[in-house]
Amino acid sequence: MVARVASFEGIEVQEAERTMGEADARIRPIVAGLAGYRGRLDLIADDGKMMSVTLFDSEESAQAAEPTFDEELPRRLGDLFASWSGRRVSVERYNVLAESRA
């Protein structure tokens, strides 16, 4: 499994928390339809740093999804992202060594 980790800085935390339900409702059907999609987790810190972790079954699936993250999601979420402020500062991929959920 591969984790695509996008990092953001300068996020307006209260606005992101207030509108995350709406953002998730727009994001979920898009990413759930991506080949090899295995799950998603969004994290935010009090200082405005945010990480979006999307899990895929393989490096190939993660790579093939990049146009969706670079083009389709910003188009669908543009109004919400504008209110969140901030900017994406990096995108990296990691091999998942272990996964555990309660």
C-alpha atoms as a PDB file:
ATOM      1  CA  MET A   1       0.000   0.000   0.000  1.00  0.00           C
ATOM      2  CA  VAL A   2       1.132   3.558  -0.762  1.00  0.00           C
ATOM      3  CA  ALA A   3       0.245   6.762   1.100  1.00  0.00           C
ATOM      4  CA  ARG A   4       0.082  10.027  -0.839  1.00  0.00           C
ATOM      5  CA  VAL A   5       0.778  12.790   1.679  1.00  0.00           C
ATOM      6  CA  ALA A   6      -0.020  16.378   0.700  1.00  0.00           C
ATOM      7  CA  SER A   7       1.160  19.064   3.148  1.00  0.00           C
ATOM      8  CA  PHE A   8      -0.372  22.519   3.474  1.00  0.00           C
ATOM      9  CA  GLU A   9       0.568  25.636   5.459  1.00  0.00           C
ATOM     10  CA  GLY A  10      -1.275  28.792   6.429  1.00  0.00           C
ATOM     11  CA  ILE A  11      -4.686  27.145   6.703  1.00  0.00           C
ATOM     12  CA  GLU A  12      -7.402  29.064   8.558  1.00  0.00           C
ATOM     13  CA  VAL A  13      -8.070  26.330  11.113  1.00  0.00           C
ATOM     14  CA  GLN A  14     -11.512  27.453  12.291  1.00  0.00           C
ATOM     15  CA  GLU A  15     -12.774  27.884   8.723  1.00  0.00           C
ATOM     16  CA  ALA A  16     -11.406  24.481   7.672  1.00  0.00           C
ATOM     17  CA  GLU A  17     -13.037  22.838  10.691  1.00  0.00           C
ATOM     18  CA  ARG A  18     -16.333  24.645  10.028  1.00  0.00           C
ATOM     19  CA  THR A  19     -16.531  23.595   6.361  1.00  0.00           C
ATOM     20  CA  MET A  20     -14.813  20.181   6.403  1.00  0.00           C
ATOM     21  CA  GLY A  21     -18.139  18.347   6.254  1.00  0.00           C
ATOM     22  CA  GLU A  22     -19.022  20.097   3.021  1.00  0.00           C
ATOM     23  CA  ALA A  23     -15.521  19.556   1.643  1.00  0.00           C
ATOM     24  CA  ASP A  24     -15.682  15.856   2.522  1.00  0.00           C
ATOM     25  CA  ALA A  25     -19.043  15.514   0.784  1.00  0.00           C
ATOM     26  CA  ARG A  26     -17.434  16.837  -2.408  1.00  0.00           C
ATOM     27  CA  ILE A  27     -14.123  14.964  -2.056  1.00  0.00           C
ATOM     28  CA  ARG A  28     -15.374  11.509  -1.063  1.00  0.00           C
ATOM     29  CA  PRO A  29     -17.178  10.541  -4.296  1.00  0.00           C
ATOM     30  CA  ILE A  30     -14.266  11.759  -6.401  1.00  0.00           C
ATOM     31  CA  VAL A  31     -11.450   9.961  -4.581  1.00  0.00           C
ATOM     32  CA  ALA A  32     -13.514   6.841  -3.824  1.00  0.00           C
ATOM     33  CA  GLY A  33     -13.782   6.307  -7.575  1.00  0.00           C
ATOM     34  CA  LEU A  34     -10.036   6.426  -8.159  1.00  0.00           C
ATOM     35  CA  ALA A  35      -8.394   3.170  -9.194  1.00  0.00           C
ATOM     36  CA  GLY A  36      -6.724   1.519  -6.219  1.00  0.00           C
ATOM     37  CA  TYR A  37      -8.192   3.906  -3.614  1.00  0.00           C
ATOM     38  CA  ARG A  38      -7.997   2.447  -0.087  1.00  0.00           C
ATOM     39  CA  GLY A  39      -8.878   5.321   2.252  1.00  0.00           C
ATOM     40  CA  ARG A  40      -8.197   8.891   3.351  1.00  0.00           C
ATOM     41  CA  LEU A  41      -7.245  10.849   6.470  1.00  0.00           C
ATOM     42  CA  ASP A  42      -7.029  14.619   6.891  1.00  0.00           C
ATOM     43  CA  LEU A  43      -5.049  16.111   9.787  1.00  0.00           C
ATOM     44  CA  ILE A  44      -4.817  19.719  10.954  1.00  0.00           C
ATOM     45  CA  ALA A  45      -2.680  21.400  13.613  1.00  0.00           C
ATOM     46  CA  ASP A  46      -3.488  24.512  15.606  1.00  0.00           C
ATOM     47  CA  ASP A  47      -0.730  26.407  13.765  1.00  0.00           C
ATOM     48  CA  GLY A  48      -2.458  26.034  10.373  1.00  0.00           C
ATOM     49  CA  LYS A  49      -0.455  23.100   9.051  1.00  0.00           C
ATOM     50  CA  MET A  50      -2.525  20.387   7.417  1.00  0.00           C
ATOM     51  CA  MET A  51      -1.782  16.971   5.973  1.00  0.00           C
ATOM     52  CA  SER A  52      -4.035  15.022   3.665  1.00  0.00           C
ATOM     53  CA  VAL A  53      -3.159  11.322   3.497  1.00  0.00           C
ATOM     54  CA  THR A  54      -4.728   9.221   0.753  1.00  0.00           C
ATOM     55  CA  LEU A  55      -4.055   5.495   0.592  1.00  0.00           C
ATOM     56  CA  PHE A  56      -3.699   3.513  -2.630  1.00  0.00           C
ATOM     57  CA  ASP A  57      -3.048  -0.118  -3.416  1.00  0.00           C
ATOM     58  CA  SER A  58       0.108   0.672  -5.437  1.00  0.00           C
ATOM     59  CA  GLU A  59       2.532   3.350  -6.587  1.00  0.00           C
ATOM     60  CA  GLU A  60       0.987   3.137 -10.064  1.00  0.00           C
ATOM     61  CA  SER A  61      -2.497   3.909  -8.746  1.00  0.00           C
ATOM     62  CA  ALA A  62      -1.178   6.813  -6.655  1.00  0.00           C
ATOM     63  CA  GLN A  63       0.674   8.256  -9.652  1.00  0.00           C
ATOM     64  CA  ALA A  64      -2.352   7.870 -11.931  1.00  0.00           C
ATOM     65  CA  ALA A  65      -4.467   9.860  -9.427  1.00  0.00           C
ATOM     66  CA  GLU A  66      -2.277  12.989  -9.544  1.00  0.00           C
ATOM     67  CA  PRO A  67      -4.327  14.796 -12.240  1.00  0.00           C
ATOM     68  CA  THR A  68      -7.404  14.407 -10.031  1.00  0.00           C
ATOM     69  CA  PHE A  69      -5.587  16.022  -7.088  1.00  0.00           C
ATOM     70  CA  ASP A  70      -3.960  18.729  -9.219  1.00  0.00           C
ATOM     71  CA  GLU A  71      -6.930  19.642 -11.426  1.00  0.00           C
ATOM     72  CA  GLU A  72     -10.326  18.188 -10.512  1.00  0.00           C
ATOM     73  CA  LEU A  73     -10.274  18.652  -6.725  1.00  0.00           C
ATOM     74  CA  PRO A  74      -9.155  22.315  -6.871  1.00  0.00           C
ATOM     75  CA  ARG A  75     -11.890  22.961  -9.443  1.00  0.00           C
ATOM     76  CA  ARG A  76     -14.577  21.324  -7.267  1.00  0.00           C
ATOM     77  CA  LEU A  77     -13.311  22.809  -3.991  1.00  0.00           C
ATOM     78  CA  GLY A  78     -12.107  26.216  -5.166  1.00  0.00           C
ATOM     79  CA  ASP A  79     -14.598  28.240  -3.136  1.00  0.00           C
ATOM     80  CA  LEU A  80     -13.888  26.307   0.065  1.00  0.00           C
ATOM     81  CA  PHE A  81     -10.129  26.302  -0.451  1.00  0.00           C
ATOM     82  CA  ALA A  82     -10.209  30.073  -0.974  1.00  0.00           C
ATOM     83  CA  SER A  83     -11.865  30.521   2.426  1.00  0.00           C
ATOM     84  CA  TRP A  84      -9.285  28.215   4.038  1.00  0.00           C
ATOM     85  CA  SER A  85      -6.417  30.340   2.687  1.00  0.00           C
ATOM     86  CA  GLY A  86      -3.050  28.594   2.859  1.00  0.00           C
ATOM     87  CA  ARG A  87      -1.191  26.736   0.170  1.00  0.00           C
ATOM     88  CA  ARG A  88       0.008  23.253  -0.673  1.00  0.00           C
ATOM     89  CA  VAL A  89       3.726  23.026   0.027  1.00  0.00           C
ATOM     90  CA  SER A  90       4.537  19.419  -0.858  1.00  0.00           C
ATOM     91  CA  VAL A  91       3.287  16.084  -2.109  1.00  0.00           C
ATOM     92  CA  GLU A  92       5.165  12.919  -1.229  1.00  0.00           C
ATOM     93  CA  ARG A  93       4.463   9.220  -1.383  1.00  0.00           C
ATOM     94  CA  TYR A  94       5.388   6.661   1.251  1.00  0.00           C
ATOM     95  CA  ASN A  95       5.173   2.893   1.394  1.00  0.00           C
ATOM     96  CA  VAL A  96       2.849   1.888   4.231  1.00  0.00           C
ATOM     97  CA  LEU A  97       4.743  -0.311   6.676  1.00  0.00           C
ATOM     98  CA  ALA A  98       1.864  -0.994   9.026  1.00  0.00           C
ATOM     99  CA  GLU A  99      -1.757  -0.019   9.495  1.00  0.00           C
ATOM    100  CA  SER A 100      -3.938  -0.508  12.549  1.00  0.00           C
ATOM    101  CA  ARG A 101      -7.359   0.826  13.466  1.00  0.00           C
ATOM    102  CA  ALA A 102      -9.469   0.230  16.537  1.00  0.00           C
END
